[in-house]
N, C-alpha and C. Protein backbone atom coordinates (compact mmCIF):
# COMPACT_ATOMS: atom_id res chain seq x y z
N MET A 1 -303.71 141.75 22.69
CA MET A 1 -302.37 141.21 22.14
C MET A 1 -302.49 143.19 21.07
N ASP A 2 -301.18 143.39 21.86
CA ASP A 2 -300.41 144.74 21.29
C ASP A 2 -298.79 144.52 20.99
N ILE A 3 -298.47 145.39 19.97
CA ILE A 3 -297.52 145.72 18.74
C ILE A 3 -296.16 144.93 20.07
N ASN A 4 -296.03 145.64 21.22
CA ASN A 4 -294.98 144.85 21.98
C ASN A 4 -294.41 143.60 22.38
N GLU A 5 -296.21 143.32 22.99
CA GLU A 5 -296.15 141.43 23.03
C GLU A 5 -295.60 140.59 21.70
N THR A 6 -295.78 141.60 20.44
CA THR A 6 -296.42 140.21 19.81
C THR A 6 -294.62 140.83 19.30
N LEU A 7 -293.89 141.30 19.28
CA LEU A 7 -292.69 141.85 19.23
C LEU A 7 -291.58 141.35 19.80
N GLU A 8 -292.28 140.97 21.11
CA GLU A 8 -291.81 140.04 22.09
C GLU A 8 -291.49 138.13 21.88
N ILE A 9 -292.74 137.47 20.44
CA ILE A 9 -293.30 137.09 20.29
C ILE A 9 -291.90 136.79 19.16
N LEU A 10 -292.56 137.36 18.44
CA LEU A 10 -291.76 136.79 17.60
C LEU A 10 -289.59 137.26 17.70
N ASN A 11 -289.54 138.33 18.83
CA ASN A 11 -287.62 138.31 18.60
C ASN A 11 -287.30 136.51 19.89
N ARG A 12 -288.19 135.63 19.98
CA ARG A 12 -288.28 134.65 20.65
C ARG A 12 -288.70 133.82 18.97
N ILE A 13 -289.27 133.92 17.95
CA ILE A 13 -289.05 132.97 17.43
C ILE A 13 -288.10 133.40 16.38
N PHE A 14 -287.71 134.55 15.67
CA PHE A 14 -286.66 134.79 14.86
C PHE A 14 -285.26 134.08 15.60
N ARG A 15 -284.83 134.01 17.30
CA ARG A 15 -283.71 134.00 18.28
C ARG A 15 -283.47 132.86 17.99
N GLN A 16 -285.03 131.40 17.66
CA GLN A 16 -284.98 129.62 17.64
C GLN A 16 -284.57 129.74 16.22
N VAL A 17 -285.86 129.65 15.10
CA VAL A 17 -285.18 129.87 14.52
C VAL A 17 -283.91 130.08 13.70
N LEU A 18 -283.03 131.32 13.31
CA LEU A 18 -282.04 131.69 12.99
C LEU A 18 -280.80 131.61 13.30
N LYS A 19 -280.90 130.82 15.32
CA LYS A 19 -279.91 130.47 15.87
C LYS A 19 -279.06 131.82 16.13
N LYS A 20 -279.45 132.16 17.12
CA LYS A 20 -278.77 133.95 16.59
C LYS A 20 -279.63 134.37 17.98
N THR A 21 -278.90 134.58 18.56
CA THR A 21 -279.63 135.08 20.62
C THR A 21 -279.18 136.40 20.16
N GLU A 22 -278.79 137.28 19.53
CA GLU A 22 -278.17 139.03 19.38
C GLU A 22 -279.49 139.50 19.07
N ILE A 23 -280.53 138.86 18.42
CA ILE A 23 -280.65 139.74 17.58
C ILE A 23 -282.38 140.17 18.32
N THR A 24 -282.43 142.25 18.00
CA THR A 24 -283.69 142.29 18.46
C THR A 24 -283.88 142.88 17.59
N LEU A 25 -285.35 142.88 17.30
CA LEU A 25 -286.61 143.29 16.60
C LEU A 25 -286.98 144.53 17.19
N SER A 26 -287.17 145.47 16.02
CA SER A 26 -287.86 146.85 15.89
C SER A 26 -288.92 146.59 15.06
N GLU A 27 -289.92 147.90 14.83
CA GLU A 27 -291.15 148.06 14.18
C GLU A 27 -290.47 147.57 12.70
N ASN A 28 -289.57 148.57 12.37
CA ASN A 28 -288.85 149.26 11.40
C ASN A 28 -287.80 148.37 10.93
N THR A 29 -287.15 146.91 11.63
CA THR A 29 -286.59 146.15 11.34
C THR A 29 -287.21 145.17 9.72
N THR A 30 -286.04 145.04 9.10
CA THR A 30 -286.34 144.71 7.86
C THR A 30 -285.43 143.33 7.75
N ALA A 31 -285.08 142.32 6.63
CA ALA A 31 -284.57 140.99 6.36
C ALA A 31 -283.43 141.83 6.05
N HIS A 32 -283.14 143.13 5.57
CA HIS A 32 -281.68 142.90 5.14
C HIS A 32 -280.72 144.02 6.83
N ASP A 33 -281.08 143.95 7.19
CA ASP A 33 -280.80 144.49 9.23
C ASP A 33 -280.54 142.85 9.53
N VAL A 34 -281.30 141.74 9.25
CA VAL A 34 -281.12 141.14 9.91
C VAL A 34 -280.02 140.03 9.14
N ASP A 35 -278.54 139.36 10.01
CA ASP A 35 -277.75 138.52 9.19
C ASP A 35 -278.46 137.15 9.01
N GLY A 36 -278.65 136.31 8.60
CA GLY A 36 -279.95 135.35 8.25
C GLY A 36 -281.16 134.88 7.76
N TRP A 37 -281.63 136.32 7.11
CA TRP A 37 -283.09 136.37 7.05
C TRP A 37 -282.96 136.06 5.84
N ASN A 38 -283.10 135.44 5.22
CA ASN A 38 -283.07 135.32 3.62
C ASN A 38 -284.51 134.51 3.31
N SER A 39 -285.07 134.67 1.61
CA SER A 39 -285.74 133.89 1.27
C SER A 39 -286.12 132.81 1.94
N LEU A 40 -285.17 131.74 2.13
CA LEU A 40 -285.88 130.39 2.72
C LEU A 40 -286.27 130.17 4.11
N THR A 41 -284.90 130.79 4.84
CA THR A 41 -285.34 131.06 6.42
C THR A 41 -286.50 132.18 6.54
N ASN A 42 -286.91 132.65 6.21
CA ASN A 42 -288.31 133.85 5.65
C ASN A 42 -289.45 132.68 5.27
N MET A 43 -289.53 131.68 4.88
CA MET A 43 -290.79 130.20 4.77
C MET A 43 -290.70 130.36 6.01
N LEU A 44 -289.85 129.28 6.85
CA LEU A 44 -289.14 128.32 8.03
C LEU A 44 -289.64 129.52 9.16
N LEU A 45 -289.22 131.36 8.86
CA LEU A 45 -290.31 132.14 10.53
C LEU A 45 -291.18 131.95 10.16
N ILE A 46 -292.16 131.98 8.45
CA ILE A 46 -293.72 132.46 8.83
C ILE A 46 -294.62 131.35 8.96
N SER A 47 -293.87 129.96 8.91
CA SER A 47 -294.49 128.88 8.86
C SER A 47 -294.52 128.65 10.69
N GLU A 48 -293.49 129.39 11.85
CA GLU A 48 -293.65 129.12 12.45
C GLU A 48 -293.97 130.27 14.11
N ILE A 49 -294.14 131.38 13.01
CA ILE A 49 -295.72 132.30 13.07
C ILE A 49 -296.20 132.05 13.35
N GLU A 50 -297.07 131.19 11.91
CA GLU A 50 -298.06 130.56 11.72
C GLU A 50 -298.89 129.71 13.05
N GLN A 51 -297.31 128.84 13.28
CA GLN A 51 -297.72 127.59 14.41
C GLN A 51 -298.10 128.29 15.47
N THR A 52 -297.57 129.34 16.10
CA THR A 52 -296.97 129.74 16.80
C THR A 52 -298.20 130.50 17.25
N PHE A 53 -299.48 131.69 16.72
CA PHE A 53 -300.50 132.43 16.55
C PHE A 53 -300.85 131.52 16.30
N GLN A 54 -301.56 130.65 15.36
CA GLN A 54 -302.65 130.16 14.91
C GLN A 54 -303.90 130.67 14.28
N ILE A 55 -302.60 131.11 13.27
CA ILE A 55 -303.35 131.86 11.73
C ILE A 55 -302.14 131.16 10.77
N HIS A 56 -303.06 131.76 9.60
CA HIS A 56 -302.37 131.80 8.46
C HIS A 56 -302.28 133.13 7.28
N PHE A 57 -301.26 133.01 6.60
CA PHE A 57 -300.71 134.04 5.57
C PHE A 57 -300.78 133.23 4.15
N PRO A 58 -301.41 133.75 3.55
CA PRO A 58 -302.36 133.41 1.68
C PRO A 58 -300.10 134.89 1.47
N PHE A 59 -299.50 133.42 0.50
CA PHE A 59 -298.31 134.03 0.06
C PHE A 59 -298.72 135.52 -0.75
N ARG A 60 -299.79 136.26 -0.91
CA ARG A 60 -300.08 137.23 -1.31
C ARG A 60 -299.93 138.57 -0.02
N GLU A 61 -300.00 137.89 1.04
CA GLU A 61 -299.85 139.15 1.88
C GLU A 61 -298.82 138.72 2.48
N ILE A 62 -298.00 137.56 2.16
CA ILE A 62 -296.19 137.38 2.93
C ILE A 62 -295.62 138.60 1.58
N VAL A 63 -295.87 138.39 0.68
CA VAL A 63 -295.35 139.85 -0.05
C VAL A 63 -295.22 140.66 0.22
N LYS A 64 -296.07 141.77 0.45
CA LYS A 64 -296.96 142.88 0.95
C LYS A 64 -296.17 143.43 1.82
N LEU A 65 -295.42 142.46 3.25
CA LEU A 65 -295.04 142.99 4.29
C LEU A 65 -293.56 143.59 4.19
N LYS A 66 -293.08 145.12 4.55
CA LYS A 66 -292.74 145.52 3.95
C LYS A 66 -290.65 145.31 5.70
N ASN A 67 -291.70 145.26 6.26
CA ASN A 67 -290.84 144.84 7.68
C ASN A 67 -291.55 144.50 8.95
N VAL A 68 -291.47 144.45 10.17
CA VAL A 68 -291.12 143.77 11.29
C VAL A 68 -292.95 143.95 11.50
N GLY A 69 -292.77 145.67 12.09
CA GLY A 69 -294.38 146.88 12.04
C GLY A 69 -295.34 145.98 11.37
N ASP A 70 -295.45 145.86 10.08
CA ASP A 70 -296.09 145.47 9.22
C ASP A 70 -296.67 143.72 9.22
N LEU A 71 -295.72 142.84 9.80
CA LEU A 71 -295.81 141.82 10.50
C LEU A 71 -296.81 141.79 11.86
N CYS A 72 -296.37 142.40 12.78
CA CYS A 72 -296.76 142.70 14.19
C CYS A 72 -298.46 143.02 13.57
N ARG A 73 -298.99 144.03 12.49
CA ARG A 73 -299.77 144.53 12.09
C ARG A 73 -300.51 143.26 12.27
N ALA A 74 -300.72 142.51 10.89
CA ALA A 74 -300.58 141.58 10.43
C ALA A 74 -301.45 140.36 11.53
N ILE A 75 -300.21 140.26 11.92
CA ILE A 75 -300.65 139.47 13.53
C ILE A 75 -301.58 139.60 14.04
N ILE A 76 -301.57 141.13 14.88
CA ILE A 76 -303.03 141.38 15.21
C ILE A 76 -304.14 141.26 15.01
N SER A 77 -304.02 142.03 13.97
CA SER A 77 -305.55 141.70 13.07
C SER A 77 -306.03 140.51 12.88
N LYS A 78 -305.29 139.10 13.07
CA LYS A 78 -305.66 137.76 12.62
C LYS A 78 -306.38 137.22 13.98
N THR A 79 -305.38 137.52 15.61
CA THR A 79 -305.64 137.08 15.70
C THR A 79 -306.57 137.58 16.70
N ASN A 80 -307.23 138.64 16.89
CA ASN A 80 -308.69 139.91 17.15
C ASN A 80 -309.77 139.51 16.92
């Protein structure tokens, strides 16, 4: 799996969880860029991401993620 494939899946997850069809993520996207992405929805997003990719993020790892690119790279490293 590469960054583009991971971004495509993340776009679907974010649109579903946040109920916003207009979301388009890039590697540089942060929570500040997406309306509705806050601390509560972040946990819902992480939970859905973990289920979709069948991986687990410890809390320490989650707080180190600065943008969607970091999240993609973390997912890729856990799924390879």
